Protein backbone atom coordinates (compact mmCIF):
# COMPACT_ATOMS: atom_id res chain seq x y z
CA MET A 1 34.89 125.52 103.89
CA LEU A 2 36.82 126.09 100.65
CA GLN A 3 33.66 126.86 98.70
CA ASP A 4 32.35 129.40 101.23
CA SER A 5 35.73 131.09 101.64
CA TYR A 6 36.35 131.44 97.90
CA LYS A 7 32.89 132.77 97.21
CA LYS A 8 33.36 135.43 99.88
CA LEU A 9 36.51 136.48 98.03
CA GLY A 10 34.54 136.92 94.81
CA HIS A 11 35.54 133.74 93.00
CA THR A 12 33.11 131.62 91.01
CA VAL A 13 32.93 128.17 92.57
CA GLN A 14 31.14 125.02 91.44
CA VAL A 15 31.13 121.74 93.36
CA TRP A 16 31.06 118.58 91.25
CA LYS A 17 30.01 115.39 92.96
CA PRO A 18 28.03 112.23 92.15
CA GLN A 19 24.27 112.53 92.42
CA PRO A 20 22.11 109.75 93.96
CA ILE A 21 20.20 108.92 90.79
CA VAL A 22 20.23 105.11 90.71
CA PHE A 23 20.63 105.00 94.47
CA LYS A 24 17.20 106.62 94.95
CA LEU A 25 15.62 103.75 93.02
CA PHE A 26 17.19 101.11 95.26
CA SER A 27 17.76 103.00 98.53
CA LYS A 28 15.54 100.66 100.54
CA THR A 29 16.85 97.43 99.05
CA LYS A 30 19.91 95.23 99.41
CA LEU A 31 21.18 96.72 96.17
CA ALA A 32 21.51 100.23 97.62
CA LYS A 33 25.30 100.04 98.01
CA TRP A 34 25.76 98.80 94.45
CA ALA A 35 23.38 101.44 93.14
CA GLY A 36 25.58 104.05 94.80
CA TYR A 37 28.59 102.60 93.01
CA VAL A 38 26.78 102.98 89.68
CA ASP A 39 26.14 106.67 90.44
CA GLN A 40 29.73 107.21 91.51
CA TYR A 41 31.76 105.17 89.04
CA VAL A 42 29.55 104.93 85.95
CA LEU A 43 27.19 107.92 85.70
CA PHE A 44 29.42 110.55 87.32
CA PRO A 45 32.34 110.07 84.88
CA ILE A 46 29.90 110.37 81.97
CA TRP A 47 28.51 113.58 83.46
CA ILE A 48 32.05 114.95 83.90
CA ARG A 49 32.96 114.28 80.24
CA VAL A 50 29.83 116.05 79.04
CA SER A 51 30.30 118.99 81.41
CA LEU A 52 33.95 119.49 80.47
CA ARG A 53 32.89 120.55 76.97
CA SER A 54 31.51 123.83 78.31
CA VAL A 55 34.11 124.60 81.00
CA PRO A 56 36.31 127.67 80.28
CA ALA A 57 39.97 126.94 79.67
CA ASP A 58 41.07 129.04 82.66
CA THR A 59 39.10 126.93 85.16
CA LEU A 60 41.11 125.35 87.98
CA PHE A 61 39.97 121.90 89.10
CA VAL A 62 40.53 121.50 92.84
CA PHE A 63 40.36 118.04 94.41
CA SER A 64 39.64 118.56 98.11
CA ASP A 65 41.16 115.19 99.07
CA GLN A 66 43.59 112.79 97.43
CA ALA A 67 40.96 110.05 97.90
CA LEU A 68 39.22 111.66 94.89
CA GLY A 69 42.11 110.33 92.82
CA PRO A 70 39.97 108.20 90.47
CA TRP A 71 38.73 111.39 88.77
CA VAL A 72 42.09 113.15 88.44
CA PRO A 73 42.91 111.50 85.06
CA MET A 74 39.81 113.08 83.55
CA VAL A 75 41.23 116.59 83.99
CA HIS A 76 44.98 116.03 84.37
CA ARG A 77 45.70 117.95 81.15
CA ARG A 78 43.77 120.96 82.48
CA PRO A 79 44.78 123.25 85.37
CA HIS A 80 44.28 121.20 88.51
CA LEU A 81 45.47 120.73 92.08
CA VAL A 82 45.02 118.09 94.77
CA HIS A 83 44.72 118.78 98.51
CA ALA A 84 46.38 115.89 100.37
CA HIS A 85 45.43 115.22 103.99
CA ASP A 86 46.96 111.91 105.01
CA LEU A 87 47.98 108.61 103.50
CA LEU A 88 47.08 106.43 106.47
CA ALA A 89 44.65 104.29 104.44
CA LEU A 90 47.20 103.79 101.67
CA ARG A 91 50.01 102.95 104.09
CA SER A 92 47.68 100.50 105.86
CA ALA A 93 46.82 98.87 102.53
CA MET A 94 50.55 98.51 101.85
CA GLY A 95 50.95 96.60 105.13
CA LEU A 96 52.99 99.38 106.72
CA ILE A 97 50.70 99.96 109.72
CA PRO A 98 50.24 96.65 111.59
CA GLU A 99 47.67 98.22 113.95
CA ASN A 100 45.28 98.61 111.01
CA PRO A 101 45.27 95.58 108.68
CA THR A 102 43.40 96.07 105.41
CA SER A 103 41.23 93.59 103.53
CA LEU A 104 42.05 92.57 99.95
CA SER A 105 39.23 94.73 98.60
CA GLY A 106 40.55 97.68 100.62
CA GLN A 107 44.04 97.11 99.24
CA LEU A 108 42.73 97.09 95.68
CA TYR A 109 40.68 100.23 96.27
CA GLN A 110 43.67 102.13 97.63
CA ARG A 111 45.71 101.10 94.59
CA TYR A 112 42.88 102.39 92.40
CA ILE A 113 42.89 105.73 94.23
CA ARG A 114 46.68 105.98 94.02
CA SER A 115 46.74 105.20 90.30
CA GLY A 116 44.51 108.24 89.84
CA PHE A 117 46.16 110.87 92.02
CA ARG A 118 49.61 109.87 90.72
CA LYS A 119 48.65 111.60 87.49
CA ALA A 120 48.20 114.94 89.28
CA ARG A 121 50.84 117.61 88.73
CA HIS A 122 50.19 119.91 91.69
CA PHE A 123 49.64 119.13 95.39
CA ILE A 124 49.06 120.99 98.65
CA SER A 125 49.70 118.90 101.78
CA VAL A 126 48.55 119.65 105.33
CA SER A 127 51.96 118.75 106.76
CA ASN A 128 55.51 117.95 105.71
CA LYS A 129 54.79 114.36 106.77
CA THR A 130 52.00 114.11 104.19
CA LYS A 131 54.18 115.72 101.53
CA LEU A 132 56.92 113.15 102.15
CA ASP A 133 54.38 110.29 102.20
CA LEU A 134 53.03 111.41 98.82
CA ALA A 135 56.46 110.97 97.32
CA GLU A 136 57.46 107.80 99.18
CA TYR A 137 54.21 105.84 99.21
CA GLY A 138 52.03 107.70 96.71
CA GLY A 139 54.73 107.58 94.06
CA VAL A 140 53.84 111.04 92.77
CA HIS A 141 56.15 113.10 90.54
CA PRO A 142 54.56 116.54 90.73
CA VAL A 143 55.49 119.82 89.16
CA THR A 144 54.75 121.49 92.50
CA SER A 145 54.19 120.04 95.96
CA GLU A 146 53.71 122.54 98.78
CA VAL A 147 52.72 122.50 102.43
CA VAL A 148 50.01 124.71 103.92
CA TYR A 149 49.04 123.96 107.50
CA ASN A 150 45.36 123.68 108.31
CA GLY A 151 43.76 126.64 110.03
CA LEU A 152 41.53 126.19 113.07
CA ASN A 153 37.86 126.20 112.08
CA TYR A 154 36.81 127.47 115.53
CA PRO A 155 38.40 130.48 117.30
CA PHE A 156 39.79 128.51 120.24
CA LYS A 157 41.22 130.65 123.04
CA PRO A 158 41.76 130.34 126.80
CA VAL A 159 38.65 130.78 128.92
CA PRO A 160 39.22 131.91 132.53
CA PHE A 161 39.04 128.83 134.75
CA ASN A 162 36.06 129.96 136.84
CA GLU A 163 34.13 130.99 133.75
CA ALA A 164 34.85 127.69 131.98
CA GLN A 165 34.01 125.76 135.14
CA GLN A 166 30.65 127.53 135.41
CA LEU A 167 29.84 127.03 131.72
CA LEU A 168 30.50 123.30 131.98
CA ALA A 169 28.59 123.04 135.26
CA GLU A 170 25.52 124.53 133.58
CA ALA A 171 25.78 121.74 131.00
CA GLY A 172 25.97 119.13 133.75
CA PHE A 173 29.74 118.57 133.72
CA TYR A 174 31.31 118.89 137.18
CA VAL A 175 34.86 120.29 137.16
CA PRO A 176 36.88 120.08 140.39
CA ASN A 177 38.78 123.21 141.36
CA THR A 178 42.04 121.39 140.64
CA GLY A 179 41.06 120.78 137.00
CA VAL A 180 40.94 117.62 134.88
CA LEU A 181 43.02 115.55 132.48
CA LEU A 182 41.61 115.41 128.98
CA HIS A 183 41.49 113.33 125.81
CA ILE A 184 39.29 114.04 122.79
CA SER A 185 38.78 111.66 119.86
CA GLY A 186 36.54 109.00 118.45
CA ASN A 187 37.26 105.28 118.50
CA GLN A 188 39.55 105.34 115.47
CA TRP A 189 42.32 102.74 115.70
CA TYR A 190 45.07 105.34 115.52
CA LYS A 191 43.90 107.42 118.50
CA ASN A 192 45.33 104.92 121.01
CA VAL A 193 42.66 105.48 123.65
CA ILE A 194 43.75 102.34 125.50
CA GLY A 195 47.20 103.92 125.79
CA VAL A 196 45.62 107.05 127.27
CA ILE A 197 43.87 104.97 129.92
CA ARG A 198 47.05 103.04 130.71
CA ILE A 199 48.94 106.30 131.25
CA TYR A 200 46.15 107.58 133.48
CA ALA A 201 46.17 104.35 135.48
CA GLU A 202 49.89 104.74 136.23
CA TYR A 203 49.36 108.37 137.20
CA ALA A 204 46.41 107.51 139.46
CA LYS A 205 48.47 104.84 141.27
CA THR A 206 50.78 107.51 142.60
CA GLN A 207 48.09 109.94 143.77
CA GLU A 208 45.82 109.91 146.79
CA ASN A 209 43.31 112.12 144.99
CA PRO A 210 44.11 112.06 141.24
CA LEU A 211 42.48 114.40 138.76
CA PRO A 212 39.64 112.79 136.81
CA LEU A 213 40.24 111.80 133.20
CA TRP A 214 37.69 113.17 130.73
CA LEU A 215 37.23 111.18 127.54
CA ILE A 216 35.23 113.26 125.06
CA GLY A 217 33.79 111.52 122.02
CA VAL A 218 35.16 108.11 123.01
CA GLY A 219 32.74 105.20 122.78
CA LYS A 220 32.55 102.62 125.55
CA THR A 221 33.82 99.62 123.61
CA GLU A 222 34.52 96.35 125.40
CA ALA A 223 38.26 96.97 125.19
CA ILE A 224 37.96 100.45 126.66
CA GLN A 225 35.67 99.33 129.46
CA ALA A 226 38.09 96.50 130.25
CA ALA A 227 40.95 99.02 130.48
CA VAL A 228 38.90 101.30 132.75
CA ALA A 229 38.07 98.34 135.00
CA LEU A 230 41.78 97.94 135.75
CA LEU A 231 42.13 101.46 137.17
CA PRO A 232 43.09 101.84 140.83
CA PRO A 233 40.15 102.67 143.15
CA SER A 234 41.11 106.34 143.29
CA GLY A 235 40.99 106.76 139.50
CA LYS A 236 37.93 108.19 137.79
CA VAL A 237 37.09 108.33 134.08
CA ASN A 238 34.18 110.34 132.69
CA PHE A 239 32.77 109.88 129.19
CA PHE A 240 31.12 112.87 127.49
CA TYR A 241 29.54 113.26 124.06
CA LYS A 242 28.21 115.87 121.64
CA LEU A 243 29.80 118.92 123.25
CA SER A 244 29.48 122.26 121.48
CA GLY A 245 32.51 124.21 120.28
CA GLU A 246 32.13 126.48 123.29
CA GLN A 247 32.06 123.51 125.67
CA ILE A 248 35.10 121.93 124.00
CA GLU A 249 36.95 125.23 124.39
CA ALA A 250 35.99 125.32 128.07
CA SER A 251 37.16 121.71 128.49
CA TYR A 252 40.60 122.54 127.09
CA SER A 253 40.70 125.55 129.41
CA VAL A 254 40.07 123.55 132.60
CA ALA A 255 42.40 120.71 131.57
CA ARG A 256 45.82 120.55 133.23
CA ALA A 257 47.05 118.29 130.42
CA PHE A 258 45.72 117.02 127.10
CA ILE A 259 46.83 113.41 126.56
CA PHE A 260 47.05 112.50 122.88
CA PRO A 261 49.56 109.65 122.23
CA SER A 262 48.26 108.72 118.77
CA HIS A 263 49.74 105.89 116.73
CA ALA A 264 49.39 108.19 113.71
CA GLU A 265 47.57 111.30 112.54
CA GLY A 266 46.82 113.03 109.28
CA PHE A 267 47.27 116.42 110.88
CA GLY A 268 46.37 116.40 114.58
CA TRP A 269 43.69 119.07 115.02
CA PRO A 270 43.21 118.54 118.79
CA ILE A 271 46.90 119.25 119.43
CA VAL A 272 46.53 122.77 118.04
CA GLU A 273 43.10 123.29 119.62
CA ALA A 274 44.46 122.46 123.06
CA GLN A 275 47.51 124.69 122.62
CA ALA A 276 45.35 127.57 121.39
CA CYS A 277 43.61 127.36 124.77
CA GLY A 278 46.96 127.32 126.57
CA CYS A 279 46.62 123.65 127.54
CA ALA A 280 49.71 121.45 127.90
CA VAL A 281 49.86 118.61 125.35
CA ILE A 282 51.43 115.17 125.70
CA THR A 283 51.59 113.48 122.30
CA THR A 284 53.69 111.13 120.16
CA ASP A 285 57.22 111.98 119.10
CA GLU A 286 56.63 111.22 115.43
CA ALA A 287 55.48 113.27 112.47
CA PRO A 288 53.07 114.87 112.04
CA MET A 289 52.33 115.04 115.79
CA ASN A 290 55.72 116.54 116.68
CA GLU A 291 55.55 118.75 113.58
CA ILE A 292 52.18 120.17 114.67
CA GLY A 293 52.90 120.21 118.43
CA GLY A 294 56.25 121.92 117.93
CA PRO A 295 58.52 122.92 120.81
CA GLU A 296 55.66 123.57 123.24
CA ALA A 297 54.42 119.96 123.52
CA LEU A 298 55.74 117.03 125.55
CA TYR A 299 56.48 113.80 123.70
CA LEU A 300 56.30 110.05 124.18
CA PRO A 301 57.72 107.33 121.91
CA ARG A 302 55.20 105.75 119.57
CA LEU A 303 53.53 102.76 121.25
CA THR A 304 54.12 99.64 119.16
CA ALA A 305 53.72 95.90 119.60
CA THR A 306 57.32 95.69 120.82
CA THR A 307 57.10 98.58 123.28
CA ASP A 308 57.23 97.83 126.99
CA ILE A 309 53.79 99.30 127.68
CA ALA A 310 54.32 99.40 131.44
CA GLU A 311 57.47 101.48 131.07
CA TRP A 312 55.82 103.64 128.39
CA SER A 313 52.81 104.28 130.65
CA VAL A 314 55.04 105.26 133.56
CA GLN A 315 56.86 107.72 131.30
CA GLY A 316 53.56 109.36 130.36
CA ALA A 317 52.39 109.43 133.98
CA THR A 318 55.66 111.07 135.00
CA GLN A 319 55.12 113.82 132.45
CA ILE A 320 51.66 114.48 133.88
CA THR A 321 53.05 114.69 137.42
CA GLN A 322 55.78 117.09 136.33
CA LEU A 323 53.24 119.34 134.64
CA LEU A 324 51.10 119.43 137.76
CA LYS A 325 54.13 120.41 139.88
CA MET A 326 55.12 123.32 137.64
CA ASN A 327 55.35 126.63 139.49
CA PRO A 328 52.68 129.21 138.59
CA GLU A 329 55.07 131.66 136.91
CA LEU A 330 56.54 129.04 134.58
CA GLU A 331 53.09 127.58 133.89
CA ALA A 332 51.78 131.03 132.86
CA ALA A 333 54.77 131.55 130.55
CA CYS A 334 54.25 128.12 128.97
CA LYS A 335 50.58 128.85 128.35
CA LEU A 336 51.47 132.00 126.45
CA ALA A 337 54.09 130.13 124.43
CA ARG A 338 51.55 127.46 123.48
CA GLN A 339 49.06 130.10 122.33
CA GLU A 340 51.75 131.83 120.30
CA TRP A 341 52.69 128.56 118.59
CA ALA A 342 49.05 127.70 117.86
CA SER A 343 48.42 131.13 116.30
CA LYS A 344 50.32 130.04 113.17
CA PHE A 345 47.48 127.64 112.35
CA ASN A 346 45.18 130.35 111.04
CA ALA A 347 42.27 129.66 108.70
CA ASP A 348 42.42 133.01 106.89
CA ALA A 349 46.15 132.61 106.33
CA ALA A 350 45.61 129.09 104.98
CA ILE A 351 42.94 130.29 102.53
CA ALA A 352 45.21 133.14 101.37
CA SER A 353 48.04 130.64 100.78
CA TYR A 354 45.73 128.34 98.82
CA ILE A 355 44.64 131.19 96.57
CA GLU A 356 48.24 132.25 95.84
CA ILE A 357 49.17 128.68 94.93
CA TYR A 358 46.06 128.34 92.75
CA LYS A 359 47.03 131.51 90.89
CA ARG A 360 50.53 130.19 90.25
CA VAL A 361 49.18 126.89 88.95
CA LEU A 362 46.84 128.71 86.54
CA HIS A 363 49.59 131.09 85.41
CA ASN A 364 52.14 128.34 84.82
CA HIS A 365 49.60 126.23 82.94
CA ALA A 366 48.78 129.17 80.65
CA CYS A 367 52.50 129.63 79.95
């Protein structure tokens, strides 16, 4: 995305990355993984050192993720900047996220990454939460550390209910006239899909004809199937996969509520996507979820090992019921407010902010 955007603006862009040289020789053997390591950690650094000899002094080196930290020391005396997304892996390796224990090798690897990006002097974070984590857990001491929110990479907007219903029906997805409840994610540990199902179960207990819950992108693991099996008879969960951007947009548009009680997030793309479509969001009252969801989302406490999950689930179910009882005038006003909030997460604005920061970094380095 960065490369395409900068080229359109007339900038010269090169992407440096390891090439599968040794890997190709061993790709069909048990040594393939180790061959990839040779390409990445032995040959690539040599290539960088050679290439640096011919790079103009006014070149800015942009690291698109802090996980590329191992290569920061090679250019830390030149103009450079690191885009930081989240420090979930590092915090897990430090034993700070009990839901995601990390192996010894993973802990060592995260220390290796951190030792590299700590040498960087300039950072752009996707949220204030990430900026704070860089200082607290990353141990960075930058010259500049700024926040630029991600911009949506698809022009999400509300689709009229009947139109969205028809579009989804043509793809084989039946939408009742009363709408659906929605969750979109993968099976990442931090998405708390089991929590979503527990909330839905409590909601369904109180309804004679509850809305169906759509789980998009969620795999049917044993744990998830076990949670679904505990639903009351009236409850219904549908699993859908590989939807297009247009179909995702339609799904947000027919959803009465988007349920997203994550344990943690780097940014929280689906929160903004749902709000851009006018959909109500129920998410976790911790950064960055409450930072991204803003005043237009509803919040639940973070679910932890010490949380009374029954009480927590009832709280989420109550929020769903309250949303469904909202009068049409207030609901329409809330939809507009959600769209207005989501409009601040604009891709063009993000790119423009990046460029301005890049220019300042280059100028200050030259001075």
